[in-house]
Amino acid sequence: MAEEKMSAREQTFIIVFEKSFNSDVSFDELIEFSAGCENITVSEKAKKMITGIRDNFDEIDGIIENHLNKWKMNRISKVALAALRTGVFELAFAKSAPVGVIVNESVNLCKKYGTDEDKSFVNGVLGSVARDM
């Protein structure tokens, strides 16, 4: 069976997720570490997305926070937060795909790595962000 190639979005999600456990490690170091890992390689497209998230991190979190309905950032699961950061970056800064694709792919990452609650939460928050843009 052929191995499925990981999308740039999923590569980005994984690095952003890893960053949530290693706040003292830079995004650049996480990309460098991934070079020695056989399970993930970071494409040039993913590197650009990760750099964009790094460069706009506070603004991305501000957008997320503004769309949390009675939630606090520290209550969001690490999977959901990584999917939200990736999705909000794409919606607000990259605009590299149609809104529906960005939201759907972010929800799919939660289906793969998280829980039903994560996917519903991410769908709701990203839907709210998309409506405001």
C-alpha atoms as a PDB file:
ATOM      1  CA  MET A   1       0.000   0.000   0.000  1.00  0.00           C
ATOM      2  CA  ALA A   2       1.413   3.390  -0.970  1.00  0.00           C
ATOM      3  CA  GLU A   3       2.136   5.802   1.831  1.00  0.00           C
ATOM      4  CA  GLU A   4      -0.133   8.844   1.810  1.00  0.00           C
ATOM      5  CA  LYS A   5       1.724  12.103   1.326  1.00  0.00           C
ATOM      6  CA  MET A   6       1.105  14.609   4.091  1.00  0.00           C
ATOM      7  CA  SER A   7      -0.223  17.986   2.907  1.00  0.00           C
ATOM      8  CA  ALA A   8       1.544  21.245   3.689  1.00  0.00           C
ATOM      9  CA  ARG A   9      -1.435  22.142   5.892  1.00  0.00           C
ATOM     10  CA  GLU A  10      -1.046  18.948   7.918  1.00  0.00           C
ATOM     11  CA  GLN A  11       2.735  19.444   8.186  1.00  0.00           C
ATOM     12  CA  THR A  12       2.087  22.980   9.450  1.00  0.00           C
ATOM     13  CA  PHE A  13      -0.542  21.744  11.911  1.00  0.00           C
ATOM     14  CA  ILE A  14       1.895  19.176  13.340  1.00  0.00           C
ATOM     15  CA  ILE A  15       4.672  21.741  13.863  1.00  0.00           C
ATOM     16  CA  VAL A  16       2.211  24.216  15.456  1.00  0.00           C
ATOM     17  CA  PHE A  17       0.873  21.397  17.653  1.00  0.00           C
ATOM     18  CA  GLU A  18       4.429  20.423  18.676  1.00  0.00           C
ATOM     19  CA  LYS A  19       5.160  24.077  19.535  1.00  0.00           C
ATOM     20  CA  SER A  20       2.343  23.984  22.110  1.00  0.00           C
ATOM     21  CA  PHE A  21       4.388  21.421  24.075  1.00  0.00           C
ATOM     22  CA  ASN A  22       7.741  23.145  23.521  1.00  0.00           C
ATOM     23  CA  SER A  23       7.233  26.851  24.072  1.00  0.00           C
ATOM     24  CA  ASP A  24      10.970  27.336  24.637  1.00  0.00           C
ATOM     25  CA  VAL A  25      11.831  25.859  21.220  1.00  0.00           C
ATOM     26  CA  SER A  26      11.507  28.142  18.183  1.00  0.00           C
ATOM     27  CA  PHE A  27       9.466  27.278  15.124  1.00  0.00           C
ATOM     28  CA  ASP A  28      12.713  27.262  13.130  1.00  0.00           C
ATOM     29  CA  GLU A  29      14.200  24.680  15.503  1.00  0.00           C
ATOM     30  CA  LEU A  30      11.077  22.520  15.212  1.00  0.00           C
ATOM     31  CA  ILE A  31      11.371  22.611  11.420  1.00  0.00           C
ATOM     32  CA  GLU A  32      15.043  21.683  11.733  1.00  0.00           C
ATOM     33  CA  PHE A  33      14.225  18.788  14.111  1.00  0.00           C
ATOM     34  CA  SER A  34      11.659  17.471  11.648  1.00  0.00           C
ATOM     35  CA  ALA A  35      14.396  17.023   9.044  1.00  0.00           C
ATOM     36  CA  GLY A  36      15.708  14.124  11.126  1.00  0.00           C
ATOM     37  CA  CYS A  37      12.281  12.545  11.575  1.00  0.00           C
ATOM     38  CA  GLU A  38      11.084   9.890   9.179  1.00  0.00           C
ATOM     39  CA  ASN A  39       7.380  10.530   9.879  1.00  0.00           C
ATOM     40  CA  ILE A  40       7.275  14.178   8.801  1.00  0.00           C
ATOM     41  CA  THR A  41       9.144  16.259   6.307  1.00  0.00           C
ATOM     42  CA  VAL A  42       8.361  19.933   6.072  1.00  0.00           C
ATOM     43  CA  SER A  43       7.827  21.172   2.520  1.00  0.00           C
ATOM     44  CA  GLU A  44       8.701  24.673   1.360  1.00  0.00           C
ATOM     45  CA  LYS A  45       4.995  25.554   1.330  1.00  0.00           C
ATOM     46  CA  ALA A  46       4.634  24.376   4.933  1.00  0.00           C
ATOM     47  CA  LYS A  47       7.759  26.329   5.951  1.00  0.00           C
ATOM     48  CA  LYS A  48       6.167  29.491   4.528  1.00  0.00           C
ATOM     49  CA  MET A  49       2.956  28.806   6.429  1.00  0.00           C
ATOM     50  CA  ILE A  50       4.843  28.110   9.680  1.00  0.00           C
ATOM     51  CA  THR A  51       6.876  31.295   9.241  1.00  0.00           C
ATOM     52  CA  GLY A  52       3.654  33.221   8.639  1.00  0.00           C
ATOM     53  CA  ILE A  53       2.122  31.812  11.804  1.00  0.00           C
ATOM     54  CA  ARG A  54       5.278  32.663  13.755  1.00  0.00           C
ATOM     55  CA  ASP A  55       5.340  36.213  12.396  1.00  0.00           C
ATOM     56  CA  ASN A  56       1.646  36.818  13.110  1.00  0.00           C
ATOM     57  CA  PHE A  57       1.269  34.635  16.208  1.00  0.00           C
ATOM     58  CA  ASP A  58      -0.138  37.269  18.574  1.00  0.00           C
ATOM     59  CA  GLU A  59      -2.560  38.608  15.970  1.00  0.00           C
ATOM     60  CA  ILE A  60      -3.735  35.067  15.118  1.00  0.00           C
ATOM     61  CA  ASP A  61      -4.359  34.337  18.792  1.00  0.00           C
ATOM     62  CA  GLY A  62      -6.173  37.671  19.113  1.00  0.00           C
ATOM     63  CA  ILE A  63      -8.490  36.735  16.240  1.00  0.00           C
ATOM     64  CA  ILE A  64      -9.160  33.352  17.840  1.00  0.00           C
ATOM     65  CA  GLU A  65      -9.803  34.941  21.230  1.00  0.00           C
ATOM     66  CA  ASN A  66     -12.260  37.432  19.712  1.00  0.00           C
ATOM     67  CA  HIS A  67     -14.304  34.528  18.334  1.00  0.00           C
ATOM     68  CA  LEU A  68     -14.451  32.375  21.449  1.00  0.00           C
ATOM     69  CA  ASN A  69     -17.967  32.387  22.820  1.00  0.00           C
ATOM     70  CA  LYS A  70     -17.536  32.199  26.612  1.00  0.00           C
ATOM     71  CA  TRP A  71     -14.310  30.205  26.259  1.00  0.00           C
ATOM     72  CA  LYS A  72     -10.756  30.995  27.320  1.00  0.00           C
ATOM     73  CA  MET A  73      -7.691  30.112  25.255  1.00  0.00           C
ATOM     74  CA  ASN A  74      -6.288  27.903  28.024  1.00  0.00           C
ATOM     75  CA  ARG A  75      -9.415  25.678  27.880  1.00  0.00           C
ATOM     76  CA  ILE A  76      -8.961  24.791  24.209  1.00  0.00           C
ATOM     77  CA  SER A  77      -7.358  21.414  23.497  1.00  0.00           C
ATOM     78  CA  LYS A  78      -3.913  21.545  21.928  1.00  0.00           C
ATOM     79  CA  VAL A  79      -5.250  19.801  18.801  1.00  0.00           C
ATOM     80  CA  ALA A  80      -8.075  22.316  18.368  1.00  0.00           C
ATOM     81  CA  LEU A  81      -5.762  25.254  19.031  1.00  0.00           C
ATOM     82  CA  ALA A  82      -3.209  24.052  16.462  1.00  0.00           C
ATOM     83  CA  ALA A  83      -6.000  23.598  13.899  1.00  0.00           C
ATOM     84  CA  LEU A  84      -7.394  27.051  14.714  1.00  0.00           C
ATOM     85  CA  ARG A  85      -3.999  28.744  14.447  1.00  0.00           C
ATOM     86  CA  THR A  86      -3.367  27.077  11.105  1.00  0.00           C
ATOM     87  CA  GLY A  87      -6.855  27.846   9.804  1.00  0.00           C
ATOM     88  CA  VAL A  88      -6.914  31.453  11.019  1.00  0.00           C
ATOM     89  CA  PHE A  89      -3.511  32.065   9.446  1.00  0.00           C
ATOM     90  CA  GLU A  90      -4.813  30.811   6.119  1.00  0.00           C
ATOM     91  CA  LEU A  91      -8.077  32.770   6.366  1.00  0.00           C
ATOM     92  CA  ALA A  92      -6.547  36.053   7.529  1.00  0.00           C
ATOM     93  CA  PHE A  93      -3.083  36.129   5.996  1.00  0.00           C
ATOM     94  CA  ALA A  94      -2.430  33.514   3.322  1.00  0.00           C
ATOM     95  CA  LYS A  95      -5.811  33.368   1.588  1.00  0.00           C
ATOM     96  CA  SER A  96      -4.327  30.477  -0.386  1.00  0.00           C
ATOM     97  CA  ALA A  97      -7.534  28.443  -0.704  1.00  0.00           C
ATOM     98  CA  PRO A  98     -11.297  29.018  -0.682  1.00  0.00           C
ATOM     99  CA  VAL A  99     -12.787  29.610   2.770  1.00  0.00           C
ATOM    100  CA  GLY A 100     -14.790  26.379   2.677  1.00  0.00           C
ATOM    101  CA  VAL A 101     -11.676  24.340   1.892  1.00  0.00           C
ATOM    102  CA  ILE A 102      -9.701  25.933   4.742  1.00  0.00           C
ATOM    103  CA  VAL A 103     -12.484  25.310   7.273  1.00  0.00           C
ATOM    104  CA  ASN A 104     -13.140  21.774   6.032  1.00  0.00           C
ATOM    105  CA  GLU A 105      -9.463  20.798   6.058  1.00  0.00           C
ATOM    106  CA  SER A 106      -9.018  22.217   9.573  1.00  0.00           C
ATOM    107  CA  VAL A 107     -12.001  20.170  10.751  1.00  0.00           C
ATOM    108  CA  ASN A 108     -10.531  17.097   9.038  1.00  0.00           C
ATOM    109  CA  LEU A 109      -7.291  17.560  10.992  1.00  0.00           C
ATOM    110  CA  CYS A 110      -9.376  17.459  14.183  1.00  0.00           C
ATOM    111  CA  LYS A 111     -11.126  14.307  12.954  1.00  0.00           C
ATOM    112  CA  LYS A 112      -7.739  12.679  12.395  1.00  0.00           C
ATOM    113  CA  TYR A 113      -5.913  13.878  15.510  1.00  0.00           C
ATOM    114  CA  GLY A 114      -8.547  15.049  17.963  1.00  0.00           C
ATOM    115  CA  THR A 115     -12.053  14.420  19.214  1.00  0.00           C
ATOM    116  CA  ASP A 116     -15.602  15.063  18.006  1.00  0.00           C
ATOM    117  CA  GLU A 117     -15.670  18.059  20.343  1.00  0.00           C
ATOM    118  CA  ASP A 118     -12.497  19.439  18.726  1.00  0.00           C
ATOM    119  CA  LYS A 119     -13.922  19.217  15.219  1.00  0.00           C
ATOM    120  CA  SER A 120     -17.221  20.863  16.200  1.00  0.00           C
ATOM    121  CA  PHE A 121     -15.434  23.600  18.130  1.00  0.00           C
ATOM    122  CA  VAL A 122     -12.985  24.352  15.307  1.00  0.00           C
ATOM    123  CA  ASN A 123     -15.808  24.369  12.759  1.00  0.00           C
ATOM    124  CA  GLY A 124     -17.753  26.901  14.837  1.00  0.00           C
ATOM    125  CA  VAL A 125     -14.840  29.220  15.562  1.00  0.00           C
ATOM    126  CA  LEU A 126     -13.465  29.205  12.008  1.00  0.00           C
ATOM    127  CA  GLY A 127     -16.978  29.713  10.646  1.00  0.00           C
ATOM    128  CA  SER A 128     -17.303  32.787  12.863  1.00  0.00           C
ATOM    129  CA  VAL A 129     -13.882  34.078  11.780  1.00  0.00           C
ATOM    130  CA  ALA A 130     -14.747  33.530   8.107  1.00  0.00           C
ATOM    131  CA  ARG A 131     -18.074  35.413   8.442  1.00  0.00           C
ATOM    132  CA  ASP A 132     -16.233  38.403   9.944  1.00  0.00           C
ATOM    133  CA  MET A 133     -13.764  38.522   7.074  1.00  0.00           C
END
